[in-house]
Amino acid sequence: MDRQLDLDQELTSRAVDLGAQAPKKLAEIGIGTYRELLSHFPRRYEDRRALPSYGALVDGQTATITGQVMSRVGNRSRRGMHVMRAGLRGAGGERVTAVWFNQPWLEKQVYPGLNLVLTGKVKRQGRTVELMVQGFEVDDDSESLSFNRIVGIYPTTQGLSQAYLRRAVKRLLDALGPLPDHLQRSLLERYELVSLDRAVRQAHFPDSEEELQAARRRLKFDDFLFFELAVLRSRDPNRLGRTFHVREADLEAFAASLPFTLTEGQQRALNEILTDMQAPKQMARLLQGDVGSGKTAVAAAAVYVAVKNGAQAALMAPTEILARQHFLNLQRYLFPLGVRSELLIGSMSAGERRAARARLASGEADLAVGTHALIQEGVEFHDLGLAVIDEEHRFGVEQRRGLLKSTPDVLVMSATPIPRSLALTTYGDLELTVIDGLPPGRQPVKTMLVTASKRRDVYRFAWQQIKEGRQVYVVTPLIEESEALDEVLAATRLADDLRQIMPEAARIGMLHGRLSSDEKDEVMAAFRRHDLDLLVSTTVIEVGVDVPNATVMVIENAERFGLAQLHQLRGRVGRGSHESHCVLVAGDASRKTRERLGIVVKHADGFTIAEMDLRLRGPGDLHGTRQSGLPELSIGDVVDDVEIIEQARDLALKMLDADPELEAAWAERLRAELRRRSRAVMVREVI
C-alpha cells in the first residue's frame, strides 16, 4: 500500500480524488473511509464477457443485454397495473422491448438517449421479443467496467448507480500500491491462499472465474480466521480452573444408583468431560445430544464428581418449567448418594429464596438448580466448582458470564442439534462433545404429514389414543409473535375448536405465554399427573419436558416452524414404552412446503435436519454477534464453508499456542487487523 495513504482516513480528506460528490454519495450506503470502500465487496457477479445479440435471445431464459432507449410509454392495464415499455436498439441496430411492471416512477428516470444494461426474462412471440426486466443499470460508464468482463453487482441504494460505485473502487485501487498482507508467505502456501492484495483486486474486478474463486476463498478465510481468533481469545486457554480427582469408587457408586446403564455414547461423553475436570485448566465444553439422548445423566455424574471433591455445582436452565424438571431428575439421581440440592427460581417467595441462598453461601447445599435467578444479586456460593448451563443460546452473554466469576469448570448442554460448521463458529470457545444414539428403550417416533383438510381424521386418531390411556400434545404457532393477545386467542380458539371436534369426555388443558409461571407449572403438573388428556400449547412445550405417557404430538400450521424446532417438538413424545406419533398438519399445501416438511418426515437424526434447516434458512445472527463484539462475517458462509472454517480455526489455535497475546513481530499486522475488526463490546479487550 502506498505509505502516504492511510486507509482509515475519511473520504472528506480527498487524499484520493473520487469525484466532488463522493463523500456525500457514498455516505448514503454507510461508507465514510477508504477502507470501508475497499471492503464493500460485490454481493454477486454477472458474466458479461459476451452479451447475446437480440437475435440469439431464447424464450423463457434470463439474459443480460445492453441497448439505447429509443422510446418509452407508460400505461395502466385493465387490472390497474402500471406497465412501462421502452423500445431499445442494440449495437447492430436490432430492436427489443423492455417491460417494467408497477414502477411508475421509472417514467422520469428512463428516457430516450439513455444507454442501459438490463437483466430479465425473455418472452418471444413470433418476431417480437420482450424482456421482463428484473434489474437494470444506467450505462454511463466511460471506463468500460460494466460489460465485456465479469461484473460485480454491489449492495447499493436508489440513486447511487452500480457504474458510479465501480468507478470509485477502481480509482481507489489504482491509487494504492500493493496492500500489505497480515499472513506470512509460508502460511499462504500451506493453506493455498492468494495474497491479500490479489484477493481484494480480483474480488472487485475479476479477470476470470478461477481468479474470482481464489479471491473469495482468501477473503472468507480471513473472515473466519479473525472470527475464531476473537472467539478463542475471549477465554484464556491457559486460564486455571479446578483440578478434580476422579475416583473409581465414586463412579461405581453413581452407576449403581442409576435405574439404567449408561449407553456407549453417554460413557464416551462422560470420559471426555472427566478428562477436562482432572486437568488444571478451566473446562469449557459443549455437550450436544439429540432430543432424549440422556445428557442430564451425564451432567449428574460430573456434578457428583465435583461434590465428592468438596466443591459446589450449579445448573442454570432458561425457564422455570425446565429448571424444576432438572431439579427433580437430578434429585432422583443424586439424593440417594447424599447430594443436597436447592431449587432457586423467581416464583419462590422471598423467604424461600433467602433460606436457599443462605444454605448455598454456607456450603450446606451442594447443588443449586435454577433459572437466571442464580446469577442475581445476593446469590453467593461457598465454593462453586462446576457450572452447567442448559440451552445456553437462550441466555445473553452477560448472563452466562455472571455465573462464571469464580472460574468454575463449565459444561454447556444443548438439545438443539447444531451442524458442525455452526458449532465451530457460534461456540468456538468451547470444546465439542456429541452424544450419539438414543438411550435404550426410547422408541422411534412415526412422523406423518397431512393437509388441513384431514384434521378431523387426525383428532379421531388422537381420541383413539386417549381411549387407550395415552395423552396428546397439540401445538399451534403464534399467528403474530409481537401480539401476546393473539397468542391467547390462537390457543383459546384451537381449544374451543377441539372441544367441538373431540368427545366431551376428553379433558383439555391450555398453555400459553400470558399465564404466570405458577399457572404454567400447575397446567404441566396436571398433564403429568394425567388429570388432562390433551394439552393445547402455543409456547413451544419446553425442551426437556418429560411426560412418558404422551404418545401423540399434533403440530398445527407446521410450515410456520423451523425444521429444527419441529424436531424438538417431536422429541416430546416417544419417551415411554408405547409407540408414538407426530402429525404435521400443513395449512399451506404448496410443493415447497411439502418438500421442506418432508425432511422431518424422512429423517430422525436431529443433526441431519439441522444441517438442512441451516441451508434453507441461513444461520441468522450468530450467537447475537452484533452485541458480542465479534467481527462480522462479510463474505464467509457458515453453511457451505465448513472446510475453510476448520482450516481457519486450526490456524487460529496454532497462532494462539505460539503467542497467546499476539505480541511477536510476526503478529503485528494481524493484531492491528484483529483490533480493527473486533469492535470489542462483550469480548474482553485483551489487545
Foldseek 3Di string as FASTA:
>chain_A
DPPVDDQADFVVVPPFPLDDCVCVQVVVVPDTTNVSLLPQFFPDKDAQQDFDDPVPADAFDKGKAKFFFAAKDWDADPVRKIKMWTWTAHPVRDIAIEIEIRDVVCVVVHGGGWMKIFIAGWHDDPPYIYGDTPDMFTPPAPPPQDHSAIAGHTDHDPPCTSNSSLSSNVSSLVPDDQDDALDDPVVCVVVVADGQSQLSVCSHGNRDPVSNVRSLLNLQLLLLLLLLLLLQLLDQQQAFAAAFDDDPVLLVVLQVLDPDHQDPLLVVLLVVVNVQNNDGHAAFAEEEEAFQQPVLSSVLSVLSRQVVRVAAEEEAEAAALQLVLSVVVSCSRPVVVPAAEEEAEDVDDPVSNLVSQVCQCVSVHRYYTYYLSCLDPSRDGVGYAEYEYEPVLSDAPVSVVSVCPNRHHYYYYYNQQAAPLLCCRLVVNHHYRYRDDHDPLQAQAQEDEAEPVCVLVVVVVLLVLVVVVFAEEEEEEQPDVVDQVSQVVVQVVVQVVVCVSPDVVAFEEEEEDVDDSVVNSVRLVCVLVVVHRYYYYHPQPDQPSERARHAEYEYEQLLVDQQSSLLSSSSNYRRHNDHHYYYYYHHDPDPVSCVLNVVSNPDNDSNVSNLVSCVVPPDPCRSPCVQAQRFDSPSHGSNPPSVSSVVSSVVSVVCCVVPVLLPDPSNVVVVVVSPVRRPHRNSDDRD
